[in-house]
Amino acid sequence: RFLPLEASLGERGRPYAPISLDVEGVATLTGPNMGGKSAALRTCGFLA
C-alpha cells in the first residue's frame, strides 16, 4: 500500500486497492489510463 494515496482516498470515503508485484531486474507495466500505473510505481518507491 502507498500510504499517502490510501489516506487521501480514505478522506474521500473511497476504497483503496493494494497491489502485489515481483520485480527482479527490469520490468514494464502497461494498462489503461487511470488504472493505477503511477500509483504502482509510487508504491514500489514508498516501500523501498
All heavy atoms as atom14 arrays in JSON, in Angstrom:
{
  "sequence": "RFLPLEASLGERGRPYAPISLDVEGVATLTGPNMGGKSAALRTCGFLA",
  "atom14_mask": [
    [1, 1, 1, 1, 1, 1, 1, 1, 1, 1, 1, 0, 0, 0],
    [1, 1, 1, 1, 1, 1, 1, 1, 1, 1, 1, 0, 0, 0],
    [1, 1, 1, 1, 1, 1, 1, 1, 0, 0, 0, 0, 0, 0],
    [1, 1, 1, 1, 1, 1, 1, 0, 0, 0, 0, 0, 0, 0],
    [1, 1, 1, 1, 1, 1, 1, 1, 0, 0, 0, 0, 0, 0],
    [1, 1, 1, 1, 1, 1, 1, 1, 1, 0, 0, 0, 0, 0],
    [1, 1, 1, 1, 1, 0, 0, 0, 0, 0, 0, 0, 0, 0],
    [1, 1, 1, 1, 1, 1, 0, 0, 0, 0, 0, 0, 0, 0],
    [1, 1, 1, 1, 1, 1, 1, 1, 0, 0, 0, 0, 0, 0],
    [1, 1, 1, 1, 0, 0, 0, 0, 0, 0, 0, 0, 0, 0],
    [1, 1, 1, 1, 1, 1, 1, 1, 1, 0, 0, 0, 0, 0],
    [1, 1, 1, 1, 1, 1, 1, 1, 1, 1, 1, 0, 0, 0],
    [1, 1, 1, 1, 0, 0, 0, 0, 0, 0, 0, 0, 0, 0],
    [1, 1, 1, 1, 1, 1, 1, 1, 1, 1, 1, 0, 0, 0],
    [1, 1, 1, 1, 1, 1, 1, 0, 0, 0, 0, 0, 0, 0],
    [1, 1, 1, 1, 1, 1, 1, 1, 1, 1, 1, 1, 0, 0],
    [1, 1, 1, 1, 1, 0, 0, 0, 0, 0, 0, 0, 0, 0],
    [1, 1, 1, 1, 1, 1, 1, 0, 0, 0, 0, 0, 0, 0],
    [1, 1, 1, 1, 1, 1, 1, 1, 0, 0, 0, 0, 0, 0],
    [1, 1, 1, 1, 1, 1, 0, 0, 0, 0, 0, 0, 0, 0],
    [1, 1, 1, 1, 1, 1, 1, 1, 0, 0, 0, 0, 0, 0],
    [1, 1, 1, 1, 1, 1, 1, 1, 0, 0, 0, 0, 0, 0],
    [1, 1, 1, 1, 1, 1, 1, 0, 0, 0, 0, 0, 0, 0],
    [1, 1, 1, 1, 1, 1, 1, 1, 1, 0, 0, 0, 0, 0],
    [1, 1, 1, 1, 0, 0, 0, 0, 0, 0, 0, 0, 0, 0],
    [1, 1, 1, 1, 1, 1, 1, 0, 0, 0, 0, 0, 0, 0],
    [1, 1, 1, 1, 1, 0, 0, 0, 0, 0, 0, 0, 0, 0],
    [1, 1, 1, 1, 1, 1, 1, 0, 0, 0, 0, 0, 0, 0],
    [1, 1, 1, 1, 1, 1, 1, 1, 0, 0, 0, 0, 0, 0],
    [1, 1, 1, 1, 1, 1, 1, 0, 0, 0, 0, 0, 0, 0],
    [1, 1, 1, 1, 0, 0, 0, 0, 0, 0, 0, 0, 0, 0],
    [1, 1, 1, 1, 1, 1, 1, 0, 0, 0, 0, 0, 0, 0],
    [1, 1, 1, 1, 1, 1, 1, 1, 0, 0, 0, 0, 0, 0],
    [1, 1, 1, 1, 1, 1, 1, 1, 0, 0, 0, 0, 0, 0],
    [1, 1, 1, 1, 0, 0, 0, 0, 0, 0, 0, 0, 0, 0],
    [1, 1, 1, 1, 0, 0, 0, 0, 0, 0, 0, 0, 0, 0],
    [1, 1, 1, 1, 1, 1, 1, 1, 1, 0, 0, 0, 0, 0],
    [1, 1, 1, 1, 1, 1, 0, 0, 0, 0, 0, 0, 0, 0],
    [1, 1, 1, 1, 1, 0, 0, 0, 0, 0, 0, 0, 0, 0],
    [1, 1, 1, 1, 1, 0, 0, 0, 0, 0, 0, 0, 0, 0],
    [1, 1, 1, 1, 1, 1, 1, 1, 0, 0, 0, 0, 0, 0],
    [1, 1, 1, 1, 1, 1, 1, 1, 1, 1, 1, 0, 0, 0],
    [1, 1, 1, 1, 1, 1, 1, 0, 0, 0, 0, 0, 0, 0],
    [1, 1, 1, 1, 1, 1, 0, 0, 0, 0, 0, 0, 0, 0],
    [1, 1, 1, 1, 0, 0, 0, 0, 0, 0, 0, 0, 0, 0],
    [1, 1, 1, 1, 1, 1, 1, 1, 1, 1, 1, 0, 0, 0],
    [1, 1, 1, 1, 1, 1, 1, 1, 0, 0, 0, 0, 0, 0],
    [1, 1, 1, 1, 1, 0, 0, 0, 0, 0, 0, 0, 0, 0]
  ],
  "atom14_positions": [
    [[0.83, -1.2, 0.0], [0.0, 0.0, 0.0], [0.87, 1.25, 0.0], [1.86, 1.34, 0.73], [-0.92, 0.02, 1.23], [-1.72, -1.26, 1.35], [-2.72, -1.31, 2.46], [-2.41, -0.57, 3.66], [-1.68, -1.05, 4.69], [-1.14, -2.26, 4.63], [-1.5, -0.33, 5.76], [0.0, 0.0, 0.0], [0.0, 0.0, 0.0], [0.0, 0.0, 0.0]],
    [[0.46, 2.23, -0.82], [1.09, 3.55, -0.83], [0.29, 4.43, 0.12], [-0.8, 4.89, -0.19], [1.09, 4.11, -2.26], [1.68, 5.49, -2.39], [2.86, 5.83, -1.75], [1.04, 6.45, -3.15], [3.39, 7.11, -1.87], [1.56, 7.72, -3.29], [2.74, 8.05, -2.64], [0.0, 0.0, 0.0], [0.0, 0.0, 0.0], [0.0, 0.0, 0.0]],
    [[0.82, 4.63, 1.32], [0.04, 5.21, 2.41], [-0.52, 6.6, 2.11], [-1.66, 6.89, 2.48], [0.87, 5.23, 3.7], [1.24, 3.85, 4.25], [2.0, 4.0, 5.56], [0.0, 2.98, 4.45], [0.0, 0.0, 0.0], [0.0, 0.0, 0.0], [0.0, 0.0, 0.0], [0.0, 0.0, 0.0], [0.0, 0.0, 0.0], [0.0, 0.0, 0.0]],
    [[0.23, 7.52, 1.48], [-0.38, 8.84, 1.2], [-1.64, 8.74, 0.34], [-2.63, 9.43, 0.59], [0.75, 9.59, 0.49], [2.0, 8.96, 1.0], [1.68, 7.51, 1.14], [0.0, 0.0, 0.0], [0.0, 0.0, 0.0], [0.0, 0.0, 0.0], [0.0, 0.0, 0.0], [0.0, 0.0, 0.0], [0.0, 0.0, 0.0], [0.0, 0.0, 0.0]],
    [[-1.61, 7.87, -0.68], [-2.8, 7.71, -1.53], [-3.92, 7.03, -0.75], [-5.09, 7.43, -0.86], [-2.44, 6.9, -2.77], [-3.61, 6.59, -3.72], [-4.26, 7.88, -4.21], [-3.12, 5.75, -4.9], [0.0, 0.0, 0.0], [0.0, 0.0, 0.0], [0.0, 0.0, 0.0], [0.0, 0.0, 0.0], [0.0, 0.0, 0.0], [0.0, 0.0, 0.0]],
    [[-3.58, 6.02, 0.05], [-4.59, 5.35, 0.86], [-5.28, 6.35, 1.8], [-6.51, 6.33, 1.95], [-3.95, 4.22, 1.66], [-4.95, 3.41, 2.47], [-4.29, 2.29, 3.25], [-3.18, 2.51, 3.79], [-4.89, 1.21, 3.34], [0.0, 0.0, 0.0], [0.0, 0.0, 0.0], [0.0, 0.0, 0.0], [0.0, 0.0, 0.0], [0.0, 0.0, 0.0]],
    [[-4.5, 7.22, 2.43], [-5.08, 8.22, 3.33], [-5.95, 9.2, 2.57], [-7.04, 9.58, 3.03], [-3.96, 8.95, 4.07], [0.0, 0.0, 0.0], [0.0, 0.0, 0.0], [0.0, 0.0, 0.0], [0.0, 0.0, 0.0], [0.0, 0.0, 0.0], [0.0, 0.0, 0.0], [0.0, 0.0, 0.0], [0.0, 0.0, 0.0], [0.0, 0.0, 0.0]],
    [[-5.5, 9.64, 1.39], [-6.27, 10.6, 0.6], [-7.6, 10.01, 0.16], [-8.64, 10.67, 0.24], [-5.45, 11.04, -0.62], [-6.17, 11.92, -1.44], [0.0, 0.0, 0.0], [0.0, 0.0, 0.0], [0.0, 0.0, 0.0], [0.0, 0.0, 0.0], [0.0, 0.0, 0.0], [0.0, 0.0, 0.0], [0.0, 0.0, 0.0], [0.0, 0.0, 0.0]],
    [[-7.59, 8.77, -0.29], [-8.84, 8.13, -0.69], [-9.76, 7.93, 0.52], [-10.98, 8.09, 0.41], [-8.54, 6.78, -1.36], [-7.9, 6.85, -2.74], [-7.51, 5.45, -3.22], [-8.81, 7.52, -3.75], [0.0, 0.0, 0.0], [0.0, 0.0, 0.0], [0.0, 0.0, 0.0], [0.0, 0.0, 0.0], [0.0, 0.0, 0.0], [0.0, 0.0, 0.0]],
    [[-9.16, 7.55, 1.66], [-9.96, 7.37, 2.86], [-10.68, 8.62, 3.28], [-11.84, 8.57, 3.73], [0.0, 0.0, 0.0], [0.0, 0.0, 0.0], [0.0, 0.0, 0.0], [0.0, 0.0, 0.0], [0.0, 0.0, 0.0], [0.0, 0.0, 0.0], [0.0, 0.0, 0.0], [0.0, 0.0, 0.0], [0.0, 0.0, 0.0], [0.0, 0.0, 0.0]],
    [[-10.03, 9.78, 3.13], [-10.67, 11.05, 3.47], [-11.88, 11.33, 2.59], [-12.8, 12.04, 2.99], [-9.66, 12.19, 3.34], [-8.55, 12.15, 4.39], [-7.45, 13.15, 4.09], [-7.53, 13.83, 3.03], [-6.51, 13.23, 4.89], [0.0, 0.0, 0.0], [0.0, 0.0, 0.0], [0.0, 0.0, 0.0], [0.0, 0.0, 0.0], [0.0, 0.0, 0.0]],
    [[-11.87, 10.76, 1.38], [-12.98, 10.97, 0.44], [-13.99, 9.82, 0.48], [-14.9, 9.78, -0.34], [-12.43, 11.12, -0.99], [-11.63, 12.4, -1.18], [-10.84, 12.35, -2.47], [-10.19, 13.62, -2.77], [-9.09, 14.06, -2.2], [-8.49, 13.32, -1.26], [-8.57, 15.21, -2.52], [0.0, 0.0, 0.0], [0.0, 0.0, 0.0], [0.0, 0.0, 0.0]],
    [[-13.78, 8.88, 1.39], [-14.7, 7.76, 1.52], [-14.6, 6.75, 0.4], [-15.54, 6.0, 0.14], [0.0, 0.0, 0.0], [0.0, 0.0, 0.0], [0.0, 0.0, 0.0], [0.0, 0.0, 0.0], [0.0, 0.0, 0.0], [0.0, 0.0, 0.0], [0.0, 0.0, 0.0], [0.0, 0.0, 0.0], [0.0, 0.0, 0.0], [0.0, 0.0, 0.0]],
    [[-13.46, 6.71, -0.29], [-13.28, 5.8, -1.4], [-12.34, 4.66, -1.0], [-11.4, 4.87, -0.23], [-12.73, 6.53, -2.62], [-13.71, 7.55, -3.2], [-13.07, 8.38, -4.29], [-12.5, 7.55, -5.34], [-11.64, 7.99, -6.24], [-11.23, 9.25, -6.2], [-11.18, 7.18, -7.16], [0.0, 0.0, 0.0], [0.0, 0.0, 0.0], [0.0, 0.0, 0.0]],
    [[-12.58, 3.46, -1.52], [-11.74, 2.31, -1.14], [-10.36, 2.38, -1.78], [-10.17, 3.03, -2.81], [-12.54, 1.11, -1.66], [-13.31, 1.65, -2.83], [-13.66, 3.07, -2.46], [0.0, 0.0, 0.0], [0.0, 0.0, 0.0], [0.0, 0.0, 0.0], [0.0, 0.0, 0.0], [0.0, 0.0, 0.0], [0.0, 0.0, 0.0], [0.0, 0.0, 0.0]],
    [[-9.42, 1.7, -1.16], [-8.06, 1.62, -1.69], [-7.77, 0.17, -2.05], [-8.09, -0.75, -1.28], [-7.05, 2.12, -0.64], [-5.61, 2.02, -1.11], [-5.08, 3.02, -1.91], [-4.82, 0.94, -0.77], [-3.76, 2.94, -2.36], [-3.5, 0.86, -1.21], [-2.98, 1.86, -2.01], [-1.7, 1.77, -2.46], [0.0, 0.0, 0.0], [0.0, 0.0, 0.0]],
    [[-7.16, -0.06, -3.2], [-6.87, -1.42, -3.66], [-5.37, -1.67, -3.55], [-4.58, -1.11, -4.32], [-7.32, -1.59, -5.11], [0.0, 0.0, 0.0], [0.0, 0.0, 0.0], [0.0, 0.0, 0.0], [0.0, 0.0, 0.0], [0.0, 0.0, 0.0], [0.0, 0.0, 0.0], [0.0, 0.0, 0.0], [0.0, 0.0, 0.0], [0.0, 0.0, 0.0]],
    [[-4.92, -2.5, -2.59], [-3.5, -2.86, -2.52], [-3.09, -3.64, -3.78], [-3.94, -4.23, -4.47], [-3.42, -3.74, -1.27], [-4.67, -3.46, -0.51], [-5.71, -3.12, -1.53], [0.0, 0.0, 0.0], [0.0, 0.0, 0.0], [0.0, 0.0, 0.0], [0.0, 0.0, 0.0], [0.0, 0.0, 0.0], [0.0, 0.0, 0.0], [0.0, 0.0, 0.0]],
    [[-1.8, -3.66, -4.05], [-1.31, -4.39, -5.23], [-0.19, -5.32, -4.82], [0.43, -5.16, -3.76], [-0.82, -3.43, -6.32], [0.34, -2.56, -5.8], [-1.95, -2.56, -6.85], [1.05, -1.76, -6.89], [0.0, 0.0, 0.0], [0.0, 0.0, 0.0], [0.0, 0.0, 0.0], [0.0, 0.0, 0.0], [0.0, 0.0, 0.0], [0.0, 0.0, 0.0]],
    [[0.08, -6.3, -5.69], [1.18, -7.24, -5.48], [2.07, -7.2, -6.71], [1.58, -7.03, -7.84], [0.65, -8.66, -5.26], [-0.19, -8.7, -4.12], [0.0, 0.0, 0.0], [0.0, 0.0, 0.0], [0.0, 0.0, 0.0], [0.0, 0.0, 0.0], [0.0, 0.0, 0.0], [0.0, 0.0, 0.0], [0.0, 0.0, 0.0], [0.0, 0.0, 0.0]],
    [[3.38, -7.36, -6.5], [4.33, -7.22, -7.6], [5.61, -7.96, -7.25], [5.95, -8.1, -6.07], [4.63, -5.73, -7.82], [5.38, -5.31, -9.09], [4.58, -5.65, -10.33], [5.66, -3.81, -9.05], [0.0, 0.0, 0.0], [0.0, 0.0, 0.0], [0.0, 0.0, 0.0], [0.0, 0.0, 0.0], [0.0, 0.0, 0.0], [0.0, 0.0, 0.0]],
    [[6.31, -8.43, -8.27], [7.59, -9.11, -8.06], [8.5, -8.72, -9.22], [8.3, -9.17, -10.36], [7.39, -10.62, -8.01], [8.68, -11.36, -7.61], [9.76, -10.76, -7.69], [8.58, -12.54, -7.23], [0.0, 0.0, 0.0], [0.0, 0.0, 0.0], [0.0, 0.0, 0.0], [0.0, 0.0, 0.0], [0.0, 0.0, 0.0], [0.0, 0.0, 0.0]],
    [[9.46, -7.84, -8.94], [10.36, -7.35, -9.99], [11.78, -7.75, -9.64], [12.32, -7.33, -8.6], [10.27, -5.82, -10.15], [11.26, -5.35, -11.21], [8.86, -5.4, -10.51], [0.0, 0.0, 0.0], [0.0, 0.0, 0.0], [0.0, 0.0, 0.0], [0.0, 0.0, 0.0], [0.0, 0.0, 0.0], [0.0, 0.0, 0.0], [0.0, 0.0, 0.0]],
    [[12.36, -8.56, -10.48], [13.77, -8.96, -10.37], [14.44, -8.45, -11.63], [14.16, -8.94, -12.73], [13.89, -10.47, -10.26], [15.29, -10.98, -9.99], [15.61, -11.03, -8.5], [14.68, -11.22, -7.7], [16.81, -10.87, -8.17], [0.0, 0.0, 0.0], [0.0, 0.0, 0.0], [0.0, 0.0, 0.0], [0.0, 0.0, 0.0], [0.0, 0.0, 0.0]],
    [[15.29, -7.46, -11.52], [15.86, -6.85, -12.72], [14.96, -5.75, -13.23], [14.61, -4.83, -12.5], [0.0, 0.0, 0.0], [0.0, 0.0, 0.0], [0.0, 0.0, 0.0], [0.0, 0.0, 0.0], [0.0, 0.0, 0.0], [0.0, 0.0, 0.0], [0.0, 0.0, 0.0], [0.0, 0.0, 0.0], [0.0, 0.0, 0.0], [0.0, 0.0, 0.0]],
    [[14.55, -5.83, -14.53], [13.73, -4.77, -15.11], [12.39, -5.34, -15.54], [12.26, -6.52, -15.88], [14.45, -4.11, -16.32], [15.73, -3.44, -15.86], [14.73, -5.12, -17.42], [0.0, 0.0, 0.0], [0.0, 0.0, 0.0], [0.0, 0.0, 0.0], [0.0, 0.0, 0.0], [0.0, 0.0, 0.0], [0.0, 0.0, 0.0], [0.0, 0.0, 0.0]],
    [[11.36, -4.48, -15.49], [10.01, -4.9, -15.85], [9.28, -3.71, -16.44], [9.61, -2.55, -16.19], [9.26, -5.43, -14.63], [0.0, 0.0, 0.0], [0.0, 0.0, 0.0], [0.0, 0.0, 0.0], [0.0, 0.0, 0.0], [0.0, 0.0, 0.0], [0.0, 0.0, 0.0], [0.0, 0.0, 0.0], [0.0, 0.0, 0.0], [0.0, 0.0, 0.0]],
    [[8.26, -4.0, -17.24], [7.39, -2.97, -17.77], [6.0, -3.15, -17.18], [5.62, -4.25, -16.77], [7.29, -3.03, -19.31], [6.73, -4.3, -19.69], [8.67, -2.85, -19.94], [0.0, 0.0, 0.0], [0.0, 0.0, 0.0], [0.0, 0.0, 0.0], [0.0, 0.0, 0.0], [0.0, 0.0, 0.0], [0.0, 0.0, 0.0], [0.0, 0.0, 0.0]],
    [[5.25, -2.06, -17.17], [3.89, -2.06, -16.64], [3.0, -1.33, -17.62], [3.22, -0.14, -17.89], [3.85, -1.39, -15.27], [2.48, -1.23, -14.61], [1.81, -2.59, -14.4], [2.62, -0.48, -13.28], [0.0, 0.0, 0.0], [0.0, 0.0, 0.0], [0.0, 0.0, 0.0], [0.0, 0.0, 0.0], [0.0, 0.0, 0.0], [0.0, 0.0, 0.0]],
    [[2.03, -2.04, -18.18], [1.1, -1.43, -19.11], [-0.3, -1.47, -18.52], [-0.54, -2.14, -17.52], [1.12, -2.16, -20.47], [0.77, -3.53, -20.26], [2.5, -2.08, -21.11], [0.0, 0.0, 0.0], [0.0, 0.0, 0.0], [0.0, 0.0, 0.0], [0.0, 0.0, 0.0], [0.0, 0.0, 0.0], [0.0, 0.0, 0.0], [0.0, 0.0, 0.0]],
    [[-1.23, -0.78, -19.19], [-2.6, -0.77, -18.71], [-3.31, 0.5, -19.08], [-2.72, 1.42, -19.67], [0.0, 0.0, 0.0], [0.0, 0.0, 0.0], [0.0, 0.0, 0.0], [0.0, 0.0, 0.0], [0.0, 0.0, 0.0], [0.0, 0.0, 0.0], [0.0, 0.0, 0.0], [0.0, 0.0, 0.0], [0.0, 0.0, 0.0], [0.0, 0.0, 0.0]],
    [[-4.58, 0.6, -18.73], [-5.38, 1.76, -19.14], [-4.99, 3.02, -18.37], [-4.37, 2.97, -17.31], [-6.81, 1.32, -18.78], [-6.63, 0.38, -17.64], [-5.36, -0.36, -17.93], [0.0, 0.0, 0.0], [0.0, 0.0, 0.0], [0.0, 0.0, 0.0], [0.0, 0.0, 0.0], [0.0, 0.0, 0.0], [0.0, 0.0, 0.0], [0.0, 0.0, 0.0]],
    [[-5.38, 4.15, -18.94], [-5.29, 5.4, -18.2], [-6.12, 5.27, -16.93], [-7.17, 4.62, -16.9], [-5.83, 6.56, -19.03], [-5.03, 6.78, -20.29], [-5.4, 6.29, -21.35], [-3.93, 7.5, -20.19], [0.0, 0.0, 0.0], [0.0, 0.0, 0.0], [0.0, 0.0, 0.0], [0.0, 0.0, 0.0], [0.0, 0.0, 0.0], [0.0, 0.0, 0.0]],
    [[-5.64, 5.91, -15.87], [-6.32, 5.91, -14.57], [-6.4, 4.5, -13.98], [-7.23, 4.22, -13.12], [-7.72, 6.54, -14.66], [-7.69, 7.98, -15.15], [-9.3, 8.78, -15.17], [-9.59, 8.93, -13.42], [0.0, 0.0, 0.0], [0.0, 0.0, 0.0], [0.0, 0.0, 0.0], [0.0, 0.0, 0.0], [0.0, 0.0, 0.0], [0.0, 0.0, 0.0]],
    [[-5.55, 3.61, -14.47], [-5.55, 2.24, -13.95], [-4.6, 2.03, -12.8], [-4.47, 0.91, -12.31], [0.0, 0.0, 0.0], [0.0, 0.0, 0.0], [0.0, 0.0, 0.0], [0.0, 0.0, 0.0], [0.0, 0.0, 0.0], [0.0, 0.0, 0.0], [0.0, 0.0, 0.0], [0.0, 0.0, 0.0], [0.0, 0.0, 0.0], [0.0, 0.0, 0.0]],
    [[-3.89, 3.07, -12.38], [-3.03, 2.95, -11.21], [-1.58, 2.63, -11.52], [-0.84, 2.2, -10.63], [0.0, 0.0, 0.0], [0.0, 0.0, 0.0], [0.0, 0.0, 0.0], [0.0, 0.0, 0.0], [0.0, 0.0, 0.0], [0.0, 0.0, 0.0], [0.0, 0.0, 0.0], [0.0, 0.0, 0.0], [0.0, 0.0, 0.0], [0.0, 0.0, 0.0]],
    [[-1.14, 2.87, -12.77], [0.27, 2.57, -13.09], [1.22, 3.47, -12.29], [2.2, 2.99, -11.71], [0.52, 2.74, -14.6], [-0.26, 1.77, -15.47], [0.17, 1.82, -16.91], [-0.03, 3.18, -17.56], [-1.45, 3.6, -17.61], [0.0, 0.0, 0.0], [0.0, 0.0, 0.0], [0.0, 0.0, 0.0], [0.0, 0.0, 0.0], [0.0, 0.0, 0.0]],
    [[0.93, 4.79, -12.27], [1.79, 5.7, -11.5], [1.73, 5.37, -10.01], [2.75, 5.44, -9.31], [1.38, 7.15, -11.73], [1.58, 7.53, -13.08], [0.0, 0.0, 0.0], [0.0, 0.0, 0.0], [0.0, 0.0, 0.0], [0.0, 0.0, 0.0], [0.0, 0.0, 0.0], [0.0, 0.0, 0.0], [0.0, 0.0, 0.0], [0.0, 0.0, 0.0]],
    [[0.54, 5.0, -9.53], [0.41, 4.61, -8.12], [1.23, 3.37, -7.82], [1.81, 3.24, -6.73], [-1.06, 4.39, -7.77], [0.0, 0.0, 0.0], [0.0, 0.0, 0.0], [0.0, 0.0, 0.0], [0.0, 0.0, 0.0], [0.0, 0.0, 0.0], [0.0, 0.0, 0.0], [0.0, 0.0, 0.0], [0.0, 0.0, 0.0], [0.0, 0.0, 0.0]],
    [[1.3, 2.43, -8.78], [2.12, 1.23, -8.58], [3.6, 1.59, -8.47], [4.33, 1.06, -7.63], [1.89, 0.26, -9.73], [0.0, 0.0, 0.0], [0.0, 0.0, 0.0], [0.0, 0.0, 0.0], [0.0, 0.0, 0.0], [0.0, 0.0, 0.0], [0.0, 0.0, 0.0], [0.0, 0.0, 0.0], [0.0, 0.0, 0.0], [0.0, 0.0, 0.0]],
    [[4.04, 2.52, -9.32], [5.43, 2.98, -9.23], [5.71, 3.61, -7.87], [6.73, 3.34, -7.23], [5.73, 4.0, -10.34], [5.68, 3.51, -11.79], [5.96, 4.66, -12.73], [6.67, 2.38, -12.03], [0.0, 0.0, 0.0], [0.0, 0.0, 0.0], [0.0, 0.0, 0.0], [0.0, 0.0, 0.0], [0.0, 0.0, 0.0], [0.0, 0.0, 0.0]],
    [[4.8, 4.46, -7.43], [5.0, 5.13, -6.14], [4.94, 4.14, -4.99], [5.63, 4.32, -3.98], [3.94, 6.23, -5.96], [4.1, 7.37, -6.96], [3.06, 8.45, -6.75], [3.15, 9.44, -7.79], [4.0, 10.48, -7.8], [4.85, 10.62, -6.8], [4.02, 11.34, -8.79], [0.0, 0.0, 0.0], [0.0, 0.0, 0.0], [0.0, 0.0, 0.0]],
    [[4.13, 3.11, -5.12], [4.1, 2.08, -4.08], [5.45, 1.4, -3.97], [5.97, 1.19, -2.85], [3.01, 1.04, -4.4], [1.75, 1.69, -4.52], [2.93, -0.02, -3.31], [0.0, 0.0, 0.0], [0.0, 0.0, 0.0], [0.0, 0.0, 0.0], [0.0, 0.0, 0.0], [0.0, 0.0, 0.0], [0.0, 0.0, 0.0], [0.0, 0.0, 0.0]],
    [[6.06, 1.07, -5.12], [7.4, 0.47, -5.09], [8.4, 1.4, -4.4], [9.17, 0.98, -3.54], [7.86, 0.17, -6.51], [6.99, -1.18, -7.32], [0.0, 0.0, 0.0], [0.0, 0.0, 0.0], [0.0, 0.0, 0.0], [0.0, 0.0, 0.0], [0.0, 0.0, 0.0], [0.0, 0.0, 0.0], [0.0, 0.0, 0.0], [0.0, 0.0, 0.0]],
    [[8.39, 2.67, -4.8], [9.33, 3.62, -4.2], [9.09, 3.82, -2.73], [10.04, 3.91, -1.94], [0.0, 0.0, 0.0], [0.0, 0.0, 0.0], [0.0, 0.0, 0.0], [0.0, 0.0, 0.0], [0.0, 0.0, 0.0], [0.0, 0.0, 0.0], [0.0, 0.0, 0.0], [0.0, 0.0, 0.0], [0.0, 0.0, 0.0], [0.0, 0.0, 0.0]],
    [[7.81, 3.86, -2.33], [7.49, 4.08, -0.92], [7.94, 2.91, -0.06], [8.54, 3.1, 1.01], [5.98, 4.28, -0.79], [5.53, 4.62, 0.6], [5.7, 5.9, 1.12], [4.95, 3.66, 1.42], [5.29, 6.21, 2.41], [4.54, 3.96, 2.7], [4.72, 5.24, 3.19], [0.0, 0.0, 0.0], [0.0, 0.0, 0.0], [0.0, 0.0, 0.0]],
    [[7.68, 1.69, -0.51], [8.08, 0.52, 0.28], [9.6, 0.42, 0.34], [10.16, 0.08, 1.4], [7.48, -0.76, -0.32], [5.95, -0.84, -0.37], [5.51, -2.23, -0.8], [5.32, -0.47, 0.95], [0.0, 0.0, 0.0], [0.0, 0.0, 0.0], [0.0, 0.0, 0.0], [0.0, 0.0, 0.0], [0.0, 0.0, 0.0], [0.0, 0.0, 0.0]],
    [[10.28, 0.73, -0.76], [11.74, 0.7, -0.74], [12.3, 1.77, 0.2], [13.29, 1.56, 0.89], [12.3, 0.91, -2.15], [0.0, 0.0, 0.0], [0.0, 0.0, 0.0], [0.0, 0.0, 0.0], [0.0, 0.0, 0.0], [0.0, 0.0, 0.0], [0.0, 0.0, 0.0], [0.0, 0.0, 0.0], [0.0, 0.0, 0.0], [0.0, 0.0, 0.0]]
  ]
}
